[in-house]
Amino acid sequence: MRILKVAVVVMGVLIVAGTTALVVLIARGMSTLGTPHAGTPQATTPQAALDEPAGSRIVAMTRVANGLALALQGGGEPDRVVVIDPANGRVLLRIGISR
């Protein structure tokens, strides 16, 4: 009977210790959730210079195999599609669309 009491007390202590450790780990993880870790490269936002005339507007955008396709209208020119490389903002392709 004495061994059973000791086992129950030891298991109770282990449950409390494990629960405490779990709460501490979760709290530590949530406190560093929004901060970047050391050695993690910071994300940069590439910018693309499309060299389109004033009044041009993007009417559609979609991801293609090697870039980002932008459908452009206006600016005194016919409708057109410009494909840019999202990694560095370089224009890869220009396609004019005639009606």
Protein backbone atom coordinates (compact mmCIF):
# COMPACT_ATOMS: atom_id res chain seq x y z
CA MET A 1 0.00 0.00 0.00
CA ARG A 2 2.88 2.33 0.82
CA ILE A 3 4.42 1.81 -2.66
CA LEU A 4 1.11 2.77 -4.27
CA LYS A 5 0.98 6.05 -2.31
CA VAL A 6 4.55 6.91 -3.28
CA ALA A 7 3.80 6.12 -6.95
CA VAL A 8 0.71 8.35 -6.91
CA VAL A 9 2.64 11.26 -5.36
CA VAL A 10 5.54 10.89 -7.83
CA MET A 11 3.15 10.78 -10.82
CA GLY A 12 1.31 13.84 -9.51
CA VAL A 13 4.59 15.76 -9.23
CA LEU A 14 5.55 14.69 -12.78
CA ILE A 15 2.19 15.86 -14.15
CA VAL A 16 2.53 19.28 -12.47
CA ALA A 17 6.17 19.64 -13.64
CA GLY A 18 5.29 18.65 -17.21
CA THR A 19 2.35 21.04 -17.37
CA THR A 20 4.50 23.88 -16.02
CA ALA A 21 7.24 23.17 -18.57
CA LEU A 22 4.69 23.11 -21.39
CA VAL A 23 3.19 26.46 -20.35
CA VAL A 24 6.66 28.03 -20.12
CA LEU A 25 7.64 26.77 -23.59
CA ILE A 26 4.41 28.04 -25.16
CA ALA A 27 4.79 31.44 -23.48
CA ARG A 28 8.41 31.71 -24.65
CA GLY A 29 7.43 30.79 -28.20
CA MET A 30 4.63 33.35 -28.31
CA SER A 31 6.83 36.13 -26.97
CA THR A 32 9.27 35.71 -29.90
CA LEU A 33 6.57 35.16 -32.51
CA GLY A 34 6.86 38.54 -34.25
CA THR A 35 10.60 39.10 -33.90
CA PRO A 36 13.03 37.85 -36.55
CA HIS A 37 15.65 35.36 -35.43
CA ALA A 38 19.35 36.13 -35.63
CA GLY A 39 20.75 35.19 -39.01
CA THR A 40 17.37 35.30 -40.75
CA PRO A 41 17.60 37.50 -43.86
CA GLN A 42 15.13 40.37 -43.87
CA ALA A 43 12.63 40.27 -46.71
CA THR A 44 13.00 43.10 -49.20
CA THR A 45 10.32 44.32 -51.53
CA PRO A 46 11.59 44.52 -55.09
CA GLN A 47 10.34 47.41 -57.15
CA ALA A 48 9.71 47.28 -60.88
CA ALA A 49 10.02 50.24 -63.22
CA LEU A 50 7.57 49.46 -66.02
CA ASP A 51 8.27 52.64 -68.05
CA GLU A 52 4.63 52.90 -69.10
CA PRO A 53 3.05 56.21 -70.16
CA ALA A 54 1.07 58.29 -67.69
CA GLY A 55 -2.54 57.17 -67.42
CA SER A 56 -1.71 53.48 -67.73
CA ARG A 57 -3.44 51.23 -65.24
CA ILE A 58 -3.14 47.59 -64.20
CA VAL A 59 -6.44 45.81 -64.90
CA ALA A 60 -5.37 42.22 -64.11
CA MET A 61 -2.47 40.41 -62.55
CA THR A 62 -1.61 36.70 -62.47
CA ARG A 63 1.30 34.46 -61.64
CA VAL A 64 2.93 32.75 -64.62
CA ALA A 65 5.67 30.11 -64.77
CA ASN A 66 8.63 32.47 -64.50
CA GLY A 67 7.11 35.74 -63.36
CA LEU A 68 4.12 37.96 -62.78
CA ALA A 69 1.92 38.95 -65.74
CA LEU A 70 0.29 42.39 -65.63
CA ALA A 71 -2.50 43.34 -68.05
CA LEU A 72 -2.26 47.09 -68.72
CA GLN A 73 -4.72 49.51 -70.35
CA GLY A 74 -4.75 53.21 -71.12
CA GLY A 75 -1.98 55.74 -71.39
CA GLY A 76 -2.72 56.37 -75.07
CA GLU A 77 -1.42 52.96 -76.12
CA PRO A 78 -3.18 49.69 -77.04
CA ASP A 79 -3.84 47.11 -74.35
CA ARG A 80 -0.72 45.18 -73.43
CA VAL A 81 0.72 42.52 -71.13
CA VAL A 82 3.98 42.98 -69.25
CA VAL A 83 5.67 40.04 -67.53
CA ILE A 84 8.04 40.93 -64.70
CA ASP A 85 10.38 38.86 -62.56
CA PRO A 86 9.07 39.27 -58.98
CA ALA A 87 12.47 38.44 -57.47
CA ASN A 88 14.25 41.50 -58.88
CA GLY A 89 11.55 43.60 -60.57
CA ARG A 90 13.03 43.25 -64.09
CA VAL A 91 10.70 43.35 -67.09
CA LEU A 92 10.97 39.98 -68.85
CA LEU A 93 8.48 40.40 -71.71
CA ARG A 94 6.19 43.00 -73.29
CA ILE A 95 3.27 41.93 -75.49
CA GLY A 96 1.01 44.39 -77.33
CA ILE A 97 -2.61 43.33 -77.85
CA SER A 98 -4.49 44.68 -80.87
CA ARG A 99 -8.23 44.45 -81.38
